[in-house]
Amino acid sequence: MTFLDMVDELFQDTDEEPILQLEHPDLRSDAVPEYVDGHYQRSIRTAFRVLEERIREEGGFPQDSVGMGMVQDAFSTDDGPLTFADVEAEQRGWMFLFSGGFGALRNPPSHRDEDSIDQQRAMQILHFVDMLLEILETEVVEEDS
């Protein structure tokens, strides 16, 4: 039995769907029900709405600040309020990681009516957003300490 077969077998023995292993409570309560109902694009839009609201809150942005522009301002190496790294290249990396998620993963399902996201891709994107939320909340807490 190959290693990958053993990993597959381990995951087949669980009763819990992989998507239900999301850590962030807002994703579990808001995005997961949409995912479970087969509304994959809607679940992604919801997940990014949760992330956007959290960035807005942590960065002190007004309600009309949205999307990639706000994210780039939040993580700006010049004077962004959400600075997680002392090294400028790493801070730019955070900015690109967060804003790239909005541009490449949120925008297509948010601005098109087509069902271009399948179950597997939706699960991957939801886990990505879950990771970003965890990083944002962990790093902000550490910055405030």
C-alpha atoms as a PDB file:
ATOM      1  CA  MET A   1       0.000   0.000   0.000  1.00  0.00           C
ATOM      2  CA  THR A   2       1.433   3.361  -0.970  1.00  0.00           C
ATOM      3  CA  PHE A   3       1.603   6.275   1.430  1.00  0.00           C
ATOM      4  CA  LEU A   4      -1.099   8.182  -0.461  1.00  0.00           C
ATOM      5  CA  ASP A   5      -3.392   5.154  -0.333  1.00  0.00           C
ATOM      6  CA  MET A   6      -2.945   5.016   3.443  1.00  0.00           C
ATOM      7  CA  VAL A   7      -3.762   8.721   3.758  1.00  0.00           C
ATOM      8  CA  ASP A   8      -6.866   8.269   1.596  1.00  0.00           C
ATOM      9  CA  GLU A   9      -7.933   5.325   3.741  1.00  0.00           C
ATOM     10  CA  LEU A  10      -7.543   7.387   6.920  1.00  0.00           C
ATOM     11  CA  PHE A  11      -9.770  10.120   5.581  1.00  0.00           C
ATOM     12  CA  GLN A  12     -12.365   7.665   4.307  1.00  0.00           C
ATOM     13  CA  ASP A  13     -12.756   6.308   7.833  1.00  0.00           C
ATOM     14  CA  THR A  14     -13.921   9.657   9.191  1.00  0.00           C
ATOM     15  CA  ASP A  15     -17.587  10.591   9.395  1.00  0.00           C
ATOM     16  CA  GLU A  16     -16.819  14.287   9.149  1.00  0.00           C
ATOM     17  CA  GLU A  17     -16.698  16.031   5.790  1.00  0.00           C
ATOM     18  CA  PRO A  18     -13.352  17.806   5.236  1.00  0.00           C
ATOM     19  CA  ILE A  19     -15.112  21.140   4.799  1.00  0.00           C
ATOM     20  CA  LEU A  20     -16.591  20.900   8.271  1.00  0.00           C
ATOM     21  CA  GLN A  21     -13.099  21.069   9.734  1.00  0.00           C
ATOM     22  CA  LEU A  22     -12.935  24.829   9.204  1.00  0.00           C
ATOM     23  CA  GLU A  23     -11.744  26.596  12.336  1.00  0.00           C
ATOM     24  CA  HIS A  24     -13.322  30.034  12.070  1.00  0.00           C
ATOM     25  CA  PRO A  25     -16.795  30.096  13.660  1.00  0.00           C
ATOM     26  CA  ASP A  26     -18.176  32.650  11.186  1.00  0.00           C
ATOM     27  CA  LEU A  27     -17.219  30.421   8.266  1.00  0.00           C
ATOM     28  CA  ARG A  28     -18.773  27.405   9.950  1.00  0.00           C
ATOM     29  CA  SER A  29     -22.028  29.263  10.612  1.00  0.00           C
ATOM     30  CA  ASP A  30     -22.288  31.308   7.387  1.00  0.00           C
ATOM     31  CA  ALA A  31     -20.356  29.687   4.523  1.00  0.00           C
ATOM     32  CA  VAL A  32     -20.545  25.981   5.368  1.00  0.00           C
ATOM     33  CA  PRO A  33     -24.371  25.724   5.140  1.00  0.00           C
ATOM     34  CA  GLU A  34     -24.211  27.250   1.652  1.00  0.00           C
ATOM     35  CA  TYR A  35     -21.458  24.817   0.677  1.00  0.00           C
ATOM     36  CA  VAL A  36     -23.392  21.834   2.047  1.00  0.00           C
ATOM     37  CA  ASP A  37     -26.464  22.950   0.065  1.00  0.00           C
ATOM     38  CA  GLY A  38     -24.343  22.937  -3.111  1.00  0.00           C
ATOM     39  CA  HIS A  39     -24.123  26.726  -3.448  1.00  0.00           C
ATOM     40  CA  TYR A  40     -20.361  26.750  -3.937  1.00  0.00           C
ATOM     41  CA  GLN A  41     -20.004  30.215  -5.455  1.00  0.00           C
ATOM     42  CA  ARG A  42     -22.193  31.722  -2.760  1.00  0.00           C
ATOM     43  CA  SER A  43     -20.154  30.008  -0.034  1.00  0.00           C
ATOM     44  CA  ILE A  44     -16.973  31.556  -1.431  1.00  0.00           C
ATOM     45  CA  ARG A  45     -18.552  35.012  -1.613  1.00  0.00           C
ATOM     46  CA  THR A  46     -19.693  34.620   1.981  1.00  0.00           C
ATOM     47  CA  ALA A  47     -16.269  33.473   3.164  1.00  0.00           C
ATOM     48  CA  PHE A  48     -14.576  36.459   1.565  1.00  0.00           C
ATOM     49  CA  ARG A  49     -17.242  38.775   3.018  1.00  0.00           C
ATOM     50  CA  VAL A  50     -16.309  37.456   6.461  1.00  0.00           C
ATOM     51  CA  LEU A  51     -12.614  38.040   5.732  1.00  0.00           C
ATOM     52  CA  GLU A  52     -13.284  41.496   4.296  1.00  0.00           C
ATOM     53  CA  GLU A  53     -15.287  42.509   7.378  1.00  0.00           C
ATOM     54  CA  ARG A  54     -12.526  41.255   9.662  1.00  0.00           C
ATOM     55  CA  ILE A  55      -9.820  43.170   7.759  1.00  0.00           C
ATOM     56  CA  ARG A  56     -12.001  46.290   7.793  1.00  0.00           C
ATOM     57  CA  GLU A  57     -12.527  45.932  11.544  1.00  0.00           C
ATOM     58  CA  GLU A  58      -8.908  45.167  12.450  1.00  0.00           C
ATOM     59  CA  GLY A  59      -7.552  47.863  10.122  1.00  0.00           C
ATOM     60  CA  GLY A  60      -9.997  50.542  11.256  1.00  0.00           C
ATOM     61  CA  PHE A  61     -11.418  51.139   7.785  1.00  0.00           C
ATOM     62  CA  PRO A  62     -14.841  52.709   7.097  1.00  0.00           C
ATOM     63  CA  GLN A  63     -17.741  50.558   5.858  1.00  0.00           C
ATOM     64  CA  ASP A  64     -17.354  51.807   2.284  1.00  0.00           C
ATOM     65  CA  SER A  65     -13.795  50.412   2.052  1.00  0.00           C
ATOM     66  CA  VAL A  66     -13.931  47.132   0.164  1.00  0.00           C
ATOM     67  CA  GLY A  67     -12.036  44.549  -1.831  1.00  0.00           C
ATOM     68  CA  MET A  68      -8.497  44.520  -3.098  1.00  0.00           C
ATOM     69  CA  GLY A  69      -7.952  48.243  -2.608  1.00  0.00           C
ATOM     70  CA  MET A  70      -8.740  48.067   1.080  1.00  0.00           C
ATOM     71  CA  VAL A  71      -6.659  44.921   1.500  1.00  0.00           C
ATOM     72  CA  GLN A  72      -3.663  46.538  -0.186  1.00  0.00           C
ATOM     73  CA  ASP A  73      -4.047  49.617   2.032  1.00  0.00           C
ATOM     74  CA  ALA A  74      -4.375  47.411   5.116  1.00  0.00           C
ATOM     75  CA  PHE A  75      -1.132  45.535   4.440  1.00  0.00           C
ATOM     76  CA  SER A  76       0.794  48.382   2.776  1.00  0.00           C
ATOM     77  CA  THR A  77       4.495  48.511   3.573  1.00  0.00           C
ATOM     78  CA  ASP A  78       4.244  52.295   3.834  1.00  0.00           C
ATOM     79  CA  ASP A  79       1.746  52.770   6.613  1.00  0.00           C
ATOM     80  CA  GLY A  80      -0.655  49.846   6.578  1.00  0.00           C
ATOM     81  CA  PRO A  81      -2.292  49.196   9.937  1.00  0.00           C
ATOM     82  CA  LEU A  82      -1.934  45.412   9.602  1.00  0.00           C
ATOM     83  CA  THR A  83       1.799  44.847   9.719  1.00  0.00           C
ATOM     84  CA  PHE A  84       2.774  41.275  10.514  1.00  0.00           C
ATOM     85  CA  ALA A  85       6.454  41.306   9.576  1.00  0.00           C
ATOM     86  CA  ASP A  86       9.533  43.395  10.261  1.00  0.00           C
ATOM     87  CA  VAL A  87      11.001  42.628   6.836  1.00  0.00           C
ATOM     88  CA  GLU A  88       9.489  44.682   4.001  1.00  0.00           C
ATOM     89  CA  ALA A  89       9.572  41.791   1.507  1.00  0.00           C
ATOM     90  CA  GLU A  90       7.606  39.609   3.928  1.00  0.00           C
ATOM     91  CA  GLN A  91       5.069  42.371   4.536  1.00  0.00           C
ATOM     92  CA  ARG A  92       4.614  42.729   0.761  1.00  0.00           C
ATOM     93  CA  GLY A  93       4.152  38.957   0.653  1.00  0.00           C
ATOM     94  CA  TRP A  94       1.288  39.212   3.161  1.00  0.00           C
ATOM     95  CA  MET A  95      -0.265  42.004   1.117  1.00  0.00           C
ATOM     96  CA  PHE A  96      -0.016  39.936  -2.077  1.00  0.00           C
ATOM     97  CA  LEU A  97      -1.338  36.796  -0.387  1.00  0.00           C
ATOM     98  CA  PHE A  98      -4.428  38.523   1.003  1.00  0.00           C
ATOM     99  CA  SER A  99      -5.114  40.795  -2.000  1.00  0.00           C
ATOM    100  CA  GLY A 100      -4.410  37.969  -4.452  1.00  0.00           C
ATOM    101  CA  GLY A 101      -7.114  35.924  -2.752  1.00  0.00           C
ATOM    102  CA  PHE A 102      -9.598  38.717  -3.326  1.00  0.00           C
ATOM    103  CA  GLY A 103      -8.566  39.267  -6.941  1.00  0.00           C
ATOM    104  CA  ALA A 104      -8.124  35.694  -8.116  1.00  0.00           C
ATOM    105  CA  LEU A 105     -10.475  33.693  -5.896  1.00  0.00           C
ATOM    106  CA  ARG A 106     -13.250  36.028  -4.742  1.00  0.00           C
ATOM    107  CA  ASN A 107     -13.807  38.152  -7.835  1.00  0.00           C
ATOM    108  CA  PRO A 108     -14.689  35.420 -10.357  1.00  0.00           C
ATOM    109  CA  PRO A 109     -17.570  33.912  -8.317  1.00  0.00           C
ATOM    110  CA  SER A 110     -18.658  37.373  -7.155  1.00  0.00           C
ATOM    111  CA  HIS A 111     -18.892  38.996 -10.576  1.00  0.00           C
ATOM    112  CA  ARG A 112     -20.155  36.165 -12.776  1.00  0.00           C
ATOM    113  CA  ASP A 113     -23.424  34.251 -12.819  1.00  0.00           C
ATOM    114  CA  GLU A 114     -21.875  31.068 -14.138  1.00  0.00           C
ATOM    115  CA  ASP A 115     -21.302  28.066 -11.901  1.00  0.00           C
ATOM    116  CA  SER A 116     -17.567  28.004 -12.456  1.00  0.00           C
ATOM    117  CA  ILE A 117     -16.653  26.618  -9.029  1.00  0.00           C
ATOM    118  CA  ASP A 118     -17.020  22.920  -8.308  1.00  0.00           C
ATOM    119  CA  GLN A 119     -17.180  21.265  -4.898  1.00  0.00           C
ATOM    120  CA  GLN A 120     -13.470  20.469  -4.661  1.00  0.00           C
ATOM    121  CA  ARG A 121     -12.336  23.967  -5.663  1.00  0.00           C
ATOM    122  CA  ALA A 122     -14.836  25.560  -3.266  1.00  0.00           C
ATOM    123  CA  MET A 123     -13.486  23.420  -0.437  1.00  0.00           C
ATOM    124  CA  GLN A 124      -9.918  24.474  -1.248  1.00  0.00           C
ATOM    125  CA  ILE A 125     -10.847  28.155  -1.343  1.00  0.00           C
ATOM    126  CA  LEU A 126     -12.790  27.954   1.923  1.00  0.00           C
ATOM    127  CA  HIS A 127      -9.795  26.376   3.626  1.00  0.00           C
ATOM    128  CA  PHE A 128      -7.570  29.137   2.207  1.00  0.00           C
ATOM    129  CA  VAL A 129      -9.886  31.828   3.624  1.00  0.00           C
ATOM    130  CA  ASP A 130      -9.997  29.966   6.935  1.00  0.00           C
ATOM    131  CA  MET A 131      -6.200  30.049   7.056  1.00  0.00           C
ATOM    132  CA  LEU A 132      -6.115  33.784   6.246  1.00  0.00           C
ATOM    133  CA  LEU A 133      -8.633  34.512   9.003  1.00  0.00           C
ATOM    134  CA  GLU A 134      -6.592  32.528  11.504  1.00  0.00           C
ATOM    135  CA  ILE A 135      -3.390  34.340  10.514  1.00  0.00           C
ATOM    136  CA  LEU A 136      -5.101  37.724  10.640  1.00  0.00           C
ATOM    137  CA  GLU A 137      -6.596  37.136  14.071  1.00  0.00           C
ATOM    138  CA  THR A 138      -3.465  35.518  15.527  1.00  0.00           C
ATOM    139  CA  GLU A 139      -1.088  38.148  14.218  1.00  0.00           C
ATOM    140  CA  VAL A 140      -3.314  41.060  15.199  1.00  0.00           C
ATOM    141  CA  VAL A 141      -3.520  39.683  18.728  1.00  0.00           C
ATOM    142  CA  GLU A 142       0.267  39.360  18.855  1.00  0.00           C
ATOM    143  CA  GLU A 143       0.702  42.908  17.522  1.00  0.00           C
ATOM    144  CA  ASP A 144      -1.611  44.264  20.232  1.00  0.00           C
ATOM    145  CA  SER A 145       0.298  42.456  23.018  1.00  0.00           C
END
